[in-house]
């Protein structure tokens, strides 16, 4: 029995020495992120128990106060880590959506550019065909041999009179008739040439009208094709935005559930004076058991993907279509408030 008592005394002294070292470290460097709070809590809880056995209640009260602060610190760390994780998930969703949006615009811009190039090529080919047809028509018009002019009866009668007077050796009257017939022939030749020019002008006008109609019809077809492209682009854009909104709504809903349950558990645990464990340990235990949080399992529809899985799937699809890795760097998450901000609204 004396050996057991001496051993217990040595153990209690060792616990006290370790606890005082922990208290000195907390006083010197505080409780930064590199400090293992669960280890400190375990050591100080043993020391408080030792103080109880020694009836050193004043020291036990001081240790109890430190334990309470450490528990709050650990809970704040948990809330901060949860907030960071949710911020990263939302930021990942936004980045995945932006990459998908940029890839969508790039693909559709290429489609529209290709369509416009095809339209210009078709117009160029049609204009070239029209130009060749006009050139051929002008060449045929120029090469066509003029037909024998069909003069009026008056001119033919004057020429006969002219010949008759010349045979009768009446040259003076024959000269007069000849001059009159020449003037009439000039007038009639001008009329014949004018009619011939009008006839070719009408043919050329018909060709030009037909060319204009063909060009307008082709442009209307192209415009209908462009409108259809824009309609398809708008529809696919709406589907992309709808898918993004569905994923974002599901992710935010999942975050709100986790925040609300985290706040409720922290409030319930804060009212529990019988344990030294922080509320974070209770939350982790609940998450591991599948009550809520990332570890929860859907019972009714196990095939329905979670918001995180959809984000990862979108990122993978964008990474496969985007050859170069040009994703923007992530900005630092904002500094979250204490766990009171995680409590559900009243």
C-alpha atoms as a PDB file:
ATOM      1  CA  UNK A   1       0.000   0.000   0.000  1.00  0.00           C
ATOM      2  CA  UNK A   2       2.729   2.546   0.760  1.00  0.00           C
ATOM      3  CA  UNK A   3       4.273   1.838  -2.656  1.00  0.00           C
ATOM      4  CA  UNK A   4       0.893   2.437  -4.325  1.00  0.00           C
ATOM      5  CA  UNK A   5       0.403   5.704  -2.452  1.00  0.00           C
ATOM      6  CA  UNK A   6       3.907   6.858  -3.355  1.00  0.00           C
ATOM      7  CA  UNK A   7       3.305   5.921  -6.965  1.00  0.00           C
ATOM      8  CA  UNK A   8       0.037   7.901  -7.022  1.00  0.00           C
ATOM      9  CA  UNK A   9       1.824  10.854  -5.453  1.00  0.00           C
ATOM     10  CA  UNK A  10       4.551  10.720  -8.066  1.00  0.00           C
ATOM     11  CA  UNK A  11       1.947  10.476 -10.820  1.00  0.00           C
ATOM     12  CA  UNK A  12       0.001  13.436  -9.440  1.00  0.00           C
ATOM     13  CA  UNK A  13       3.203  15.464  -9.168  1.00  0.00           C
ATOM     14  CA  UNK A  14       4.036  14.592 -12.760  1.00  0.00           C
ATOM     15  CA  UNK A  15       0.523  15.604 -13.889  1.00  0.00           C
ATOM     16  CA  UNK A  16       0.844  18.887 -11.987  1.00  0.00           C
ATOM     17  CA  UNK A  17       4.244  19.606 -13.554  1.00  0.00           C
ATOM     18  CA  UNK A  18       2.913  18.876 -17.035  1.00  0.00           C
ATOM     19  CA  UNK A  19      -0.183  21.001 -16.426  1.00  0.00           C
ATOM     20  CA  UNK A  20       1.869  23.941 -15.207  1.00  0.00           C
ATOM     21  CA  UNK A  21       4.081  23.681 -18.255  1.00  0.00           C
ATOM     22  CA  UNK A  22       0.946  23.765 -20.422  1.00  0.00           C
ATOM     23  CA  UNK A  23      -0.375  26.785 -18.549  1.00  0.00           C
ATOM     24  CA  UNK A  24       2.966  28.541 -18.980  1.00  0.00           C
ATOM     25  CA  UNK A  25       2.937  27.808 -22.715  1.00  0.00           C
ATOM     26  CA  UNK A  26      -0.604  29.155 -23.010  1.00  0.00           C
ATOM     27  CA  UNK A  27       0.389  32.303 -21.114  1.00  0.00           C
ATOM     28  CA  UNK A  28       3.545  32.738 -23.216  1.00  0.00           C
ATOM     29  CA  UNK A  29       2.444  31.934 -26.801  1.00  0.00           C
ATOM     30  CA  UNK A  30      -1.337  31.704 -26.511  1.00  0.00           C
ATOM     31  CA  UNK A  31      -3.437  29.175 -28.390  1.00  0.00           C
ATOM     32  CA  UNK A  32      -2.484  29.582 -32.022  1.00  0.00           C
ATOM     33  CA  UNK A  33      -3.504  27.297 -34.844  1.00  0.00           C
ATOM     34  CA  UNK A  34      -0.369  25.198 -34.373  1.00  0.00           C
ATOM     35  CA  UNK A  35      -1.309  24.330 -30.784  1.00  0.00           C
ATOM     36  CA  UNK A  36      -2.959  20.926 -30.180  1.00  0.00           C
ATOM     37  CA  UNK A  37      -5.894  21.960 -28.018  1.00  0.00           C
ATOM     38  CA  UNK A  38      -7.203  18.420 -27.453  1.00  0.00           C
ATOM     39  CA  UNK A  39      -3.880  17.492 -25.831  1.00  0.00           C
ATOM     40  CA  UNK A  40      -3.963  20.583 -23.600  1.00  0.00           C
ATOM     41  CA  UNK A  41      -7.569  19.852 -22.614  1.00  0.00           C
ATOM     42  CA  UNK A  42      -6.697  16.255 -21.710  1.00  0.00           C
ATOM     43  CA  UNK A  43      -3.725  17.321 -19.550  1.00  0.00           C
ATOM     44  CA  UNK A  44      -5.628  20.081 -17.764  1.00  0.00           C
ATOM     45  CA  UNK A  45      -8.642  17.817 -17.162  1.00  0.00           C
ATOM     46  CA  UNK A  46      -6.359  15.305 -15.413  1.00  0.00           C
ATOM     47  CA  UNK A  47      -4.816  18.110 -13.374  1.00  0.00           C
ATOM     48  CA  UNK A  48      -8.241  19.409 -12.333  1.00  0.00           C
ATOM     49  CA  UNK A  49      -9.147  15.893 -11.187  1.00  0.00           C
ATOM     50  CA  UNK A  50      -5.914  15.827  -9.194  1.00  0.00           C
ATOM     51  CA  UNK A  51      -6.829  19.158  -7.603  1.00  0.00           C
ATOM     52  CA  UNK A  52     -10.216  17.712  -6.655  1.00  0.00           C
ATOM     53  CA  UNK A  53      -8.589  14.758  -4.932  1.00  0.00           C
ATOM     54  CA  UNK A  54      -6.221  17.143  -3.101  1.00  0.00           C
ATOM     55  CA  UNK A  55      -9.168  19.358  -2.126  1.00  0.00           C
ATOM     56  CA  UNK A  56      -7.452  22.257  -3.893  1.00  0.00           C
ATOM     57  CA  UNK A  57     -10.700  23.703  -5.196  1.00  0.00           C
ATOM     58  CA  UNK A  58      -9.328  27.148  -5.859  1.00  0.00           C
ATOM     59  CA  UNK A  59      -6.771  25.713  -8.257  1.00  0.00           C
ATOM     60  CA  UNK A  60      -9.454  23.440  -9.725  1.00  0.00           C
ATOM     61  CA  UNK A  61     -11.674  26.473 -10.407  1.00  0.00           C
ATOM     62  CA  UNK A  62      -8.833  28.229 -12.221  1.00  0.00           C
ATOM     63  CA  UNK A  63      -8.129  25.148 -14.311  1.00  0.00           C
ATOM     64  CA  UNK A  64     -11.864  24.796 -14.986  1.00  0.00           C
ATOM     65  CA  UNK A  65     -11.903  28.358 -16.334  1.00  0.00           C
ATOM     66  CA  UNK A  66      -8.937  27.621 -18.625  1.00  0.00           C
ATOM     67  CA  UNK A  67     -10.630  24.435 -19.827  1.00  0.00           C
ATOM     68  CA  UNK A  68     -13.733  26.414 -20.689  1.00  0.00           C
ATOM     69  CA  UNK A  69     -11.702  28.903 -22.720  1.00  0.00           C
ATOM     70  CA  UNK A  70      -9.850  26.092 -24.513  1.00  0.00           C
ATOM     71  CA  UNK A  71     -13.122  24.414 -25.333  1.00  0.00           C
ATOM     72  CA  UNK A  72     -14.464  27.666 -26.792  1.00  0.00           C
ATOM     73  CA  UNK A  73     -11.239  28.108 -28.745  1.00  0.00           C
ATOM     74  CA  UNK A  74     -11.532  24.604 -30.202  1.00  0.00           C
ATOM     75  CA  UNK A  75     -15.156  25.235 -31.135  1.00  0.00           C
ATOM     76  CA  UNK A  76     -14.163  28.491 -32.844  1.00  0.00           C
ATOM     77  CA  UNK A  77     -11.489  26.609 -34.752  1.00  0.00           C
ATOM     78  CA  UNK A  78     -14.055  24.081 -35.885  1.00  0.00           C
ATOM     79  CA  UNK A  79     -16.443  26.815 -37.020  1.00  0.00           C
ATOM     80  CA  UNK A  80     -13.624  28.636 -38.807  1.00  0.00           C
ATOM     81  CA  UNK A  81     -12.533  25.460 -40.593  1.00  0.00           C
ATOM     82  CA  UNK A  82     -16.131  24.696 -41.558  1.00  0.00           C
ATOM     83  CA  UNK A  83     -16.578  28.222 -42.912  1.00  0.00           C
ATOM     84  CA  UNK A  84     -13.335  27.955 -44.870  1.00  0.00           C
ATOM     85  CA  UNK A  85     -14.372  24.624 -46.322  1.00  0.00           C
ATOM     86  CA  UNK A  86     -17.750  25.988 -47.402  1.00  0.00           C
ATOM     87  CA  UNK A  87     -16.133  29.101 -48.872  1.00  0.00           C
ATOM     88  CA  UNK A  88     -13.752  26.909 -50.871  1.00  0.00           C
ATOM     89  CA  UNK A  89     -16.623  24.755 -52.098  1.00  0.00           C
ATOM     90  CA  UNK A  90     -18.579  27.828 -53.218  1.00  0.00           C
ATOM     91  CA  UNK A  91     -15.479  29.317 -54.803  1.00  0.00           C
ATOM     92  CA  UNK A  92     -14.766  26.020 -56.551  1.00  0.00           C
ATOM     93  CA  UNK A  93     -18.312  25.987 -57.891  1.00  0.00           C
ATOM     94  CA  UNK A  94     -17.967  29.580 -59.153  1.00  0.00           C
ATOM     95  CA  UNK A  95     -14.613  28.829 -60.823  1.00  0.00           C
ATOM     96  CA  UNK A  96     -15.969  25.669 -62.424  1.00  0.00           C
ATOM     97  CA  UNK A  97     -18.972  27.611 -63.709  1.00  0.00           C
ATOM     98  CA  UNK A  98     -16.765  30.411 -65.084  1.00  0.00           C
ATOM     99  CA  UNK A  99     -14.543  27.888 -66.876  1.00  0.00           C
ATOM    100  CA  UNK A 100     -17.581  26.143 -68.311  1.00  0.00           C
ATOM    101  CA  UNK A 101     -19.062  29.516 -69.302  1.00  0.00           C
ATOM    102  CA  UNK A 102     -15.828  30.600 -71.035  1.00  0.00           C
ATOM    103  CA  UNK A 103     -15.575  27.254 -72.810  1.00  0.00           C
ATOM    104  CA  UNK A 104     -19.225  27.559 -73.888  1.00  0.00           C
ATOM    105  CA  UNK A 105     -18.671  31.068 -75.309  1.00  0.00           C
ATOM    106  CA  UNK A 106     -15.481  29.997 -77.074  1.00  0.00           C
ATOM    107  CA  UNK A 107     -17.181  27.046 -78.775  1.00  0.00           C
ATOM    108  CA  UNK A 108     -20.202  29.085 -79.863  1.00  0.00           C
ATOM    109  CA  UNK A 109     -18.104  32.031 -81.049  1.00  0.00           C
ATOM    110  CA  UNK A 110     -16.165  29.600 -83.230  1.00  0.00           C
ATOM    111  CA  UNK A 111     -19.449  28.191 -84.585  1.00  0.00           C
ATOM    112  CA  UNK A 112     -20.782  31.666 -85.438  1.00  0.00           C
ATOM    113  CA  UNK A 113     -17.453  32.761 -86.978  1.00  0.00           C
ATOM    114  CA  UNK A 114     -17.421  29.607 -89.114  1.00  0.00           C
ATOM    115  CA  UNK A 115     -21.014  30.255 -90.181  1.00  0.00           C
ATOM    116  CA  UNK A 116     -20.228  33.872 -91.138  1.00  0.00           C
ATOM    117  CA  UNK A 117     -17.165  32.756 -93.117  1.00  0.00           C
ATOM    118  CA  UNK A 118     -19.317  30.213 -94.965  1.00  0.00           C
ATOM    119  CA  UNK A 119     -21.874  32.949 -95.699  1.00  0.00           C
ATOM    120  CA  UNK A 120     -19.198  35.245 -97.141  1.00  0.00           C
ATOM    121  CA  UNK A 121     -17.808  32.397 -99.247  1.00  0.00           C
ATOM    122  CA  UNK A 122     -21.256  31.593-100.638  1.00  0.00           C
ATOM    123  CA  UNK A 123     -21.862  35.252-101.485  1.00  0.00           C
ATOM    124  CA  UNK A 124     -18.473  35.529-103.159  1.00  0.00           C
ATOM    125  CA  UNK A 125     -19.145  32.418-105.261  1.00  0.00           C
ATOM    126  CA  UNK A 126     -22.594  33.681-106.302  1.00  0.00           C
ATOM    127  CA  UNK A 127     -21.274  37.149-107.182  1.00  0.00           C
ATOM    128  CA  UNK A 128     -18.527  35.563-109.249  1.00  0.00           C
ATOM    129  CA  UNK A 129     -21.072  33.467-111.124  1.00  0.00           C
ATOM    130  CA  UNK A 130     -23.226  36.540-111.755  1.00  0.00           C
ATOM    131  CA  UNK A 131     -20.243  38.510-113.016  1.00  0.00           C
ATOM    132  CA  UNK A 132     -19.261  35.711-115.390  1.00  0.00           C
ATOM    133  CA  UNK A 133     -22.823  35.496-116.706  1.00  0.00           C
ATOM    134  CA  UNK A 134     -22.925  39.247-117.393  1.00  0.00           C
ATOM    135  CA  UNK A 135     -19.539  39.166-119.088  1.00  0.00           C
ATOM    136  CA  UNK A 136     -20.723  36.311-121.302  1.00  0.00           C
ATOM    137  CA  UNK A 137     -23.917  38.218-122.123  1.00  0.00           C
ATOM    138  CA  UNK A 138     -21.988  41.389-123.062  1.00  0.00           C
ATOM    139  CA  UNK A 139     -19.629  39.379-125.211  1.00  0.00           C
ATOM    140  CA  UNK A 140     -22.510  37.697-127.023  1.00  0.00           C
ATOM    141  CA  UNK A 141     -24.203  41.049-127.533  1.00  0.00           C
ATOM    142  CA  UNK A 142     -21.042  42.578-128.994  1.00  0.00           C
ATOM    143  CA  UNK A 143     -20.227  39.584-131.210  1.00  0.00           C
ATOM    144  CA  UNK A 144     -23.740  39.290-132.609  1.00  0.00           C
ATOM    145  CA  UNK A 145     -23.794  40.281-136.283  1.00  0.00           C
ATOM    146  CA  UNK A 146     -26.203  43.123-136.977  1.00  0.00           C
ATOM    147  CA  UNK A 147     -29.237  42.046-138.975  1.00  0.00           C
ATOM    148  CA  UNK A 148     -30.116  43.640-142.287  1.00  0.00           C
ATOM    149  CA  UNK A 149     -31.985  46.799-141.585  1.00  0.00           C
ATOM    150  CA  UNK A 150     -35.650  46.773-142.551  1.00  0.00           C
ATOM    151  CA  UNK A 151     -36.402  50.243-143.913  1.00  0.00           C
ATOM    152  CA  UNK A 152     -39.781  51.870-144.331  1.00  0.00           C
ATOM    153  CA  UNK A 153     -41.788  51.967-147.579  1.00  0.00           C
ATOM    154  CA  UNK A 154     -41.200  55.703-147.869  1.00  0.00           C
ATOM    155  CA  UNK A 155     -37.439  55.220-147.920  1.00  0.00           C
ATOM    156  CA  UNK A 156     -37.652  52.339-150.392  1.00  0.00           C
ATOM    157  CA  UNK A 157     -39.867  54.458-152.713  1.00  0.00           C
ATOM    158  CA  UNK A 158     -37.412  57.348-152.548  1.00  0.00           C
ATOM    159  CA  UNK A 159     -34.548  55.036-153.516  1.00  0.00           C
ATOM    160  CA  UNK A 160     -36.544  53.726-156.496  1.00  0.00           C
ATOM    161  CA  UNK A 161     -37.352  57.286-157.594  1.00  0.00           C
ATOM    162  CA  UNK A 162     -33.667  58.156-157.203  1.00  0.00           C
ATOM    163  CA  UNK A 163     -32.645  55.270-159.449  1.00  0.00           C
ATOM    164  CA  UNK A 164     -35.334  56.090-162.027  1.00  0.00           C
ATOM    165  CA  UNK A 165     -34.260  59.752-162.244  1.00  0.00           C
ATOM    166  CA  UNK A 166     -30.625  58.706-162.587  1.00  0.00           C
ATOM    167  CA  UNK A 167     -31.500  56.365-165.479  1.00  0.00           C
ATOM    168  CA  UNK A 168     -33.372  59.219-167.172  1.00  0.00           C
ATOM    169  CA  UNK A 169     -30.221  61.354-166.852  1.00  0.00           C
ATOM    170  CA  UNK A 170     -32.110  63.813-164.652  1.00  0.00           C
ATOM    171  CA  UNK A 171     -29.220  64.142-162.254  1.00  0.00           C
ATOM    172  CA  UNK A 172     -30.342  67.333-160.551  1.00  0.00           C
ATOM    173  CA  UNK A 173     -33.644  65.866-159.388  1.00  0.00           C
ATOM    174  CA  UNK A 174     -31.949  62.546-158.604  1.00  0.00           C
ATOM    175  CA  UNK A 175     -29.491  64.378-156.300  1.00  0.00           C
ATOM    176  CA  UNK A 176     -32.325  66.098-154.496  1.00  0.00           C
ATOM    177  CA  UNK A 177     -34.174  62.797-153.945  1.00  0.00           C
ATOM    178  CA  UNK A 178     -30.935  61.132-152.819  1.00  0.00           C
ATOM    179  CA  UNK A 179     -30.309  63.753-150.132  1.00  0.00           C
ATOM    180  CA  UNK A 180     -33.851  63.406-148.904  1.00  0.00           C
ATOM    181  CA  UNK A 181     -33.539  59.588-148.834  1.00  0.00           C
ATOM    182  CA  UNK A 182     -30.173  59.780-147.005  1.00  0.00           C
ATOM    183  CA  UNK A 183     -31.670  61.937-144.276  1.00  0.00           C
ATOM    184  CA  UNK A 184     -34.591  59.517-143.848  1.00  0.00           C
ATOM    185  CA  UNK A 185     -32.223  56.519-143.824  1.00  0.00           C
ATOM    186  CA  UNK A 186     -30.116  58.129-141.079  1.00  0.00           C
ATOM    187  CA  UNK A 187     -33.209  58.687-138.981  1.00  0.00           C
ATOM    188  CA  UNK A 188     -34.394  55.127-139.509  1.00  0.00           C
ATOM    189  CA  UNK A 189     -30.944  53.638-138.725  1.00  0.00           C
ATOM    190  CA  UNK A 190     -30.838  55.589-135.488  1.00  0.00           C
ATOM    191  CA  UNK A 191     -34.295  54.250-134.626  1.00  0.00           C
ATOM    192  CA  UNK A 192     -33.271  50.670-135.442  1.00  0.00           C
ATOM    193  CA  UNK A 193     -30.076  50.913-133.372  1.00  0.00           C
ATOM    194  CA  UNK A 194     -31.998  52.452-130.500  1.00  0.00           C
ATOM    195  CA  UNK A 195     -34.551  49.655-130.559  1.00  0.00           C
ATOM    196  CA  UNK A 196     -31.749  47.104-130.668  1.00  0.00           C
ATOM    197  CA  UNK A 197     -30.068  48.760-127.655  1.00  0.00           C
ATOM    198  CA  UNK A 198     -33.364  48.849-125.751  1.00  0.00           C
ATOM    199  CA  UNK A 199     -33.869  45.174-126.454  1.00  0.00           C
ATOM    200  CA  UNK A 200     -30.445  44.273-125.043  1.00  0.00           C
ATOM    201  CA  UNK A 201     -30.959  46.628-122.078  1.00  0.00           C
ATOM    202  CA  UNK A 202     -34.181  44.831-121.181  1.00  0.00           C
ATOM    203  CA  UNK A 203     -32.424  41.477-121.335  1.00  0.00           C
ATOM    204  CA  UNK A 204     -29.606  42.796-119.150  1.00  0.00           C
ATOM    205  CA  UNK A 205     -32.113  44.300-116.696  1.00  0.00           C
ATOM    206  CA  UNK A 206     -33.881  40.931-116.387  1.00  0.00           C
ATOM    207  CA  UNK A 207     -30.556  39.247-115.687  1.00  0.00           C
ATOM    208  CA  UNK A 208     -29.665  41.828-113.033  1.00  0.00           C
ATOM    209  CA  UNK A 209     -33.078  41.480-111.360  1.00  0.00           C
ATOM    210  CA  UNK A 210     -32.713  37.713-111.296  1.00  0.00           C
ATOM    211  CA  UNK A 211     -29.220  38.057-109.799  1.00  0.00           C
ATOM    212  CA  UNK A 212     -30.523  40.412-107.125  1.00  0.00           C
ATOM    213  CA  UNK A 213     -33.350  38.054-106.221  1.00  0.00           C
ATOM    214  CA  UNK A 214     -30.970  35.101-106.018  1.00  0.00           C
ATOM    215  CA  UNK A 215     -28.615  37.046-103.744  1.00  0.00           C
ATOM    216  CA  UNK A 216     -31.462  38.220-101.484  1.00  0.00           C
ATOM    217  CA  UNK A 217     -32.873  34.692-101.269  1.00  0.00           C
ATOM    218  CA  UNK A 218     -29.479  33.321-100.290  1.00  0.00           C
ATOM    219  CA  UNK A 219     -29.027  36.044 -97.637  1.00  0.00           C
ATOM    220  CA  UNK A 220     -32.484  35.267 -96.223  1.00  0.00           C
ATOM    221  CA  UNK A 221     -31.552  31.594 -95.961  1.00  0.00           C
ATOM    222  CA  UNK A 222     -28.323  32.535 -94.217  1.00  0.00           C
ATOM    223  CA  UNK A 223     -30.170  34.883 -91.859  1.00  0.00           C
ATOM    224  CA  UNK A 224     -32.596  32.097 -90.951  1.00  0.00           C
ATOM    225  CA  UNK A 225     -29.624  29.851 -90.282  1.00  0.00           C
ATOM    226  CA  UNK A 226     -28.027  32.515 -88.086  1.00  0.00           C
ATOM    227  CA  UNK A 227     -31.274  33.023 -86.143  1.00  0.00           C
ATOM    228  CA  UNK A 228     -31.457  29.266 -85.569  1.00  0.00           C
ATOM    229  CA  UNK A 229     -27.864  29.277 -84.308  1.00  0.00           C
ATOM    230  CA  UNK A 230     -28.647  32.112 -81.896  1.00  0.00           C
ATOM    231  CA  UNK A 231     -31.775  30.288 -80.709  1.00  0.00           C
ATOM    232  CA  UNK A 232     -29.779  27.126 -80.022  1.00  0.00           C
ATOM    233  CA  UNK A 233     -27.083  29.132 -78.259  1.00  0.00           C
ATOM    234  CA  UNK A 234     -29.649  30.864 -76.055  1.00  0.00           C
ATOM    235  CA  UNK A 235     -31.316  27.556 -75.197  1.00  0.00           C
ATOM    236  CA  UNK A 236     -28.022  25.899 -74.270  1.00  0.00           C
ATOM    237  CA  UNK A 237     -27.037  28.986 -72.254  1.00  0.00           C
ATOM    238  CA  UNK A 238     -30.297  28.766 -70.305  1.00  0.00           C
ATOM    239  CA  UNK A 239     -29.661  25.073 -69.652  1.00  0.00           C
ATOM    240  CA  UNK A 240     -26.119  25.838 -68.466  1.00  0.00           C
ATOM    241  CA  UNK A 241     -27.329  28.581 -66.107  1.00  0.00           C
ATOM    242  CA  UNK A 242     -30.172  26.397 -64.849  1.00  0.00           C
ATOM    243  CA  UNK A 243     -27.762  23.560 -64.094  1.00  0.00           C
ATOM    244  CA  UNK A 244     -25.442  25.977 -62.295  1.00  0.00           C
ATOM    245  CA  UNK A 245     -28.307  27.455 -60.265  1.00  0.00           C
ATOM    246  CA  UNK A 246     -29.524  23.975 -59.301  1.00  0.00           C
ATOM    247  CA  UNK A 247     -26.060  22.948 -58.140  1.00  0.00           C
ATOM    248  CA  UNK A 248     -25.550  26.241 -56.289  1.00  0.00           C
ATOM    249  CA  UNK A 249     -28.972  25.982 -54.635  1.00  0.00           C
ATOM    250  CA  UNK A 250     -28.233  22.437 -53.516  1.00  0.00           C
ATOM    251  CA  UNK A 251     -24.776  23.377 -52.230  1.00  0.00           C
ATOM    252  CA  UNK A 252     -26.053  26.401 -50.284  1.00  0.00           C
ATOM    253  CA  UNK A 253     -28.904  24.340 -48.866  1.00  0.00           C
ATOM    254  CA  UNK A 254     -26.446  21.709 -47.697  1.00  0.00           C
ATOM    255  CA  UNK A 255     -24.251  24.414 -46.160  1.00  0.00           C
ATOM    256  CA  UNK A 256     -27.196  25.989 -44.345  1.00  0.00           C
ATOM    257  CA  UNK A 257     -28.229  22.627 -42.899  1.00  0.00           C
ATOM    258  CA  UNK A 258     -24.703  21.990 -41.638  1.00  0.00           C
ATOM    259  CA  UNK A 259     -24.478  25.522 -40.189  1.00  0.00           C
ATOM    260  CA  UNK A 260     -27.816  25.232 -38.419  1.00  0.00           C
ATOM    261  CA  UNK A 261     -27.077  21.813 -36.934  1.00  0.00           C
ATOM    262  CA  UNK A 262     -23.572  22.878 -35.973  1.00  0.00           C
ATOM    263  CA  UNK A 263     -24.936  25.935 -34.161  1.00  0.00           C
ATOM    264  CA  UNK A 264     -27.593  23.874 -32.389  1.00  0.00           C
ATOM    265  CA  UNK A 265     -25.085  21.255 -31.226  1.00  0.00           C
ATOM    266  CA  UNK A 266     -22.674  23.934 -29.999  1.00  0.00           C
ATOM    267  CA  UNK A 267     -25.440  25.624 -28.018  1.00  0.00           C
ATOM    268  CA  UNK A 268     -26.586  22.333 -26.475  1.00  0.00           C
ATOM    269  CA  UNK A 269     -23.022  21.347 -25.671  1.00  0.00           C
ATOM    270  CA  UNK A 270     -22.293  24.754 -24.117  1.00  0.00           C
ATOM    271  CA  UNK A 271     -25.114  24.142 -21.656  1.00  0.00           C
ATOM    272  CA  UNK A 272     -23.667  20.739 -20.703  1.00  0.00           C
ATOM    273  CA  UNK A 273     -21.457  21.245 -17.642  1.00  0.00           C
ATOM    274  CA  UNK A 274     -20.747  17.547 -17.095  1.00  0.00           C
ATOM    275  CA  UNK A 275     -18.120  17.104 -19.784  1.00  0.00           C
ATOM    276  CA  UNK A 276     -14.770  18.668 -20.566  1.00  0.00           C
ATOM    277  CA  UNK A 277     -14.911  17.742 -24.241  1.00  0.00           C
ATOM    278  CA  UNK A 278     -15.543  20.569 -26.676  1.00  0.00           C
ATOM    279  CA  UNK A 279     -18.574  20.786 -28.880  1.00  0.00           C
ATOM    280  CA  UNK A 280     -16.334  20.067 -31.864  1.00  0.00           C
ATOM    281  CA  UNK A 281     -15.771  16.507 -30.655  1.00  0.00           C
ATOM    282  CA  UNK A 282     -19.516  15.957 -30.369  1.00  0.00           C
ATOM    283  CA  UNK A 283     -19.981  17.351 -33.889  1.00  0.00           C
ATOM    284  CA  UNK A 284     -17.273  15.105 -35.332  1.00  0.00           C
ATOM    285  CA  UNK A 285     -18.793  12.085 -33.588  1.00  0.00           C
ATOM    286  CA  UNK A 286     -22.229  12.960 -35.002  1.00  0.00           C
ATOM    287  CA  UNK A 287     -20.824  13.441 -38.514  1.00  0.00           C
ATOM    288  CA  UNK A 288     -18.984  10.129 -38.399  1.00  0.00           C
ATOM    289  CA  UNK A 289     -22.173   8.383 -37.334  1.00  0.00           C
ATOM    290  CA  UNK A 290     -23.982   9.792 -40.377  1.00  0.00           C
ATOM    291  CA  UNK A 291     -26.356  12.095 -38.511  1.00  0.00           C
ATOM    292  CA  UNK A 292     -25.412  15.142 -40.590  1.00  0.00           C
ATOM    293  CA  UNK A 293     -22.510  16.800 -42.361  1.00  0.00           C
ATOM    294  CA  UNK A 294     -20.304  15.477 -45.171  1.00  0.00           C
ATOM    295  CA  UNK A 295     -20.619  11.926 -43.887  1.00  0.00           C
ATOM    296  CA  UNK A 296     -24.414  11.793 -44.200  1.00  0.00           C
ATOM    297  CA  UNK A 297     -25.882   9.161 -46.526  1.00  0.00           C
ATOM    298  CA  UNK A 298     -29.078   9.582 -48.501  1.00  0.00           C
ATOM    299  CA  UNK A 299     -31.450   6.796 -47.618  1.00  0.00           C
ATOM    300  CA  UNK A 300     -34.075   7.233 -50.332  1.00  0.00           C
ATOM    301  CA  UNK A 301     -32.004   7.996 -53.416  1.00  0.00           C
ATOM    302  CA  UNK A 302     -28.436   6.815 -53.126  1.00  0.00           C
ATOM    303  CA  UNK A 303     -27.785   7.411 -56.839  1.00  0.00           C
ATOM    304  CA  UNK A 304     -28.430  11.168 -56.633  1.00  0.00           C
ATOM    305  CA  UNK A 305     -25.036  12.974 -56.624  1.00  0.00           C
ATOM    306  CA  UNK A 306     -24.211  15.510 -53.949  1.00  0.00           C
ATOM    307  CA  UNK A 307     -23.396  19.140 -54.748  1.00  0.00           C
ATOM    308  CA  UNK A 308     -19.691  18.516 -54.138  1.00  0.00           C
ATOM    309  CA  UNK A 309     -19.688  15.609 -56.593  1.00  0.00           C
ATOM    310  CA  UNK A 310     -21.379  17.750 -59.237  1.00  0.00           C
ATOM    311  CA  UNK A 311     -18.778  20.500 -58.732  1.00  0.00           C
ATOM    312  CA  UNK A 312     -15.977  17.983 -59.169  1.00  0.00           C
ATOM    313  CA  UNK A 313     -17.660  16.548 -62.264  1.00  0.00           C
ATOM    314  CA  UNK A 314     -17.975  20.009 -63.834  1.00  0.00           C
ATOM    315  CA  UNK A 315     -14.336  20.779 -63.028  1.00  0.00           C
ATOM    316  CA  UNK A 316     -13.271  17.501 -64.633  1.00  0.00           C
ATOM    317  CA  UNK A 317     -15.321  18.131 -67.778  1.00  0.00           C
ATOM    318  CA  UNK A 318     -13.933  21.650 -68.124  1.00  0.00           C
ATOM    319  CA  UNK A 319     -10.383  20.394 -67.562  1.00  0.00           C
ATOM    320  CA  UNK A 320     -10.817  17.819 -70.342  1.00  0.00           C
ATOM    321  CA  UNK A 321     -12.096  20.378 -72.865  1.00  0.00           C
ATOM    322  CA  UNK A 322      -9.691  23.122 -71.839  1.00  0.00           C
ATOM    323  CA  UNK A 323      -6.181  22.093 -72.920  1.00  0.00           C
ATOM    324  CA  UNK A 324      -4.248  24.826 -71.167  1.00  0.00           C
ATOM    325  CA  UNK A 325      -4.468  25.168 -67.405  1.00  0.00           C
ATOM    326  CA  UNK A 326      -5.370  28.832 -67.132  1.00  0.00           C
ATOM    327  CA  UNK A 327      -7.578  28.791 -64.048  1.00  0.00           C
ATOM    328  CA  UNK A 328      -7.281  31.950 -61.919  1.00  0.00           C
ATOM    329  CA  UNK A 329      -5.671  31.685 -58.479  1.00  0.00           C
ATOM    330  CA  UNK A 330      -7.991  31.333 -55.551  1.00  0.00           C
ATOM    331  CA  UNK A 331      -8.332  34.307 -53.297  1.00  0.00           C
ATOM    332  CA  UNK A 332      -7.974  33.952 -49.579  1.00  0.00           C
ATOM    333  CA  UNK A 333     -11.120  33.167 -47.635  1.00  0.00           C
ATOM    334  CA  UNK A 334     -12.581  35.867 -45.455  1.00  0.00           C
ATOM    335  CA  UNK A 335     -12.061  35.753 -41.692  1.00  0.00           C
ATOM    336  CA  UNK A 336     -15.222  34.175 -40.195  1.00  0.00           C
ATOM    337  CA  UNK A 337     -16.808  35.330 -36.996  1.00  0.00           C
ATOM    338  CA  UNK A 338     -17.207  33.268 -33.856  1.00  0.00           C
ATOM    339  CA  UNK A 339     -19.554  30.313 -33.734  1.00  0.00           C
ATOM    340  CA  UNK A 340     -22.461  32.531 -32.690  1.00  0.00           C
ATOM    341  CA  UNK A 341     -22.724  33.527 -36.385  1.00  0.00           C
ATOM    342  CA  UNK A 342     -23.375  29.892 -37.223  1.00  0.00           C
ATOM    343  CA  UNK A 343     -26.512  29.734 -35.072  1.00  0.00           C
ATOM    344  CA  UNK A 344     -29.829  29.365 -36.916  1.00  0.00           C
ATOM    345  CA  UNK A 345     -32.062  32.458 -37.154  1.00  0.00           C
ATOM    346  CA  UNK A 346     -34.660  32.834 -34.426  1.00  0.00           C
END
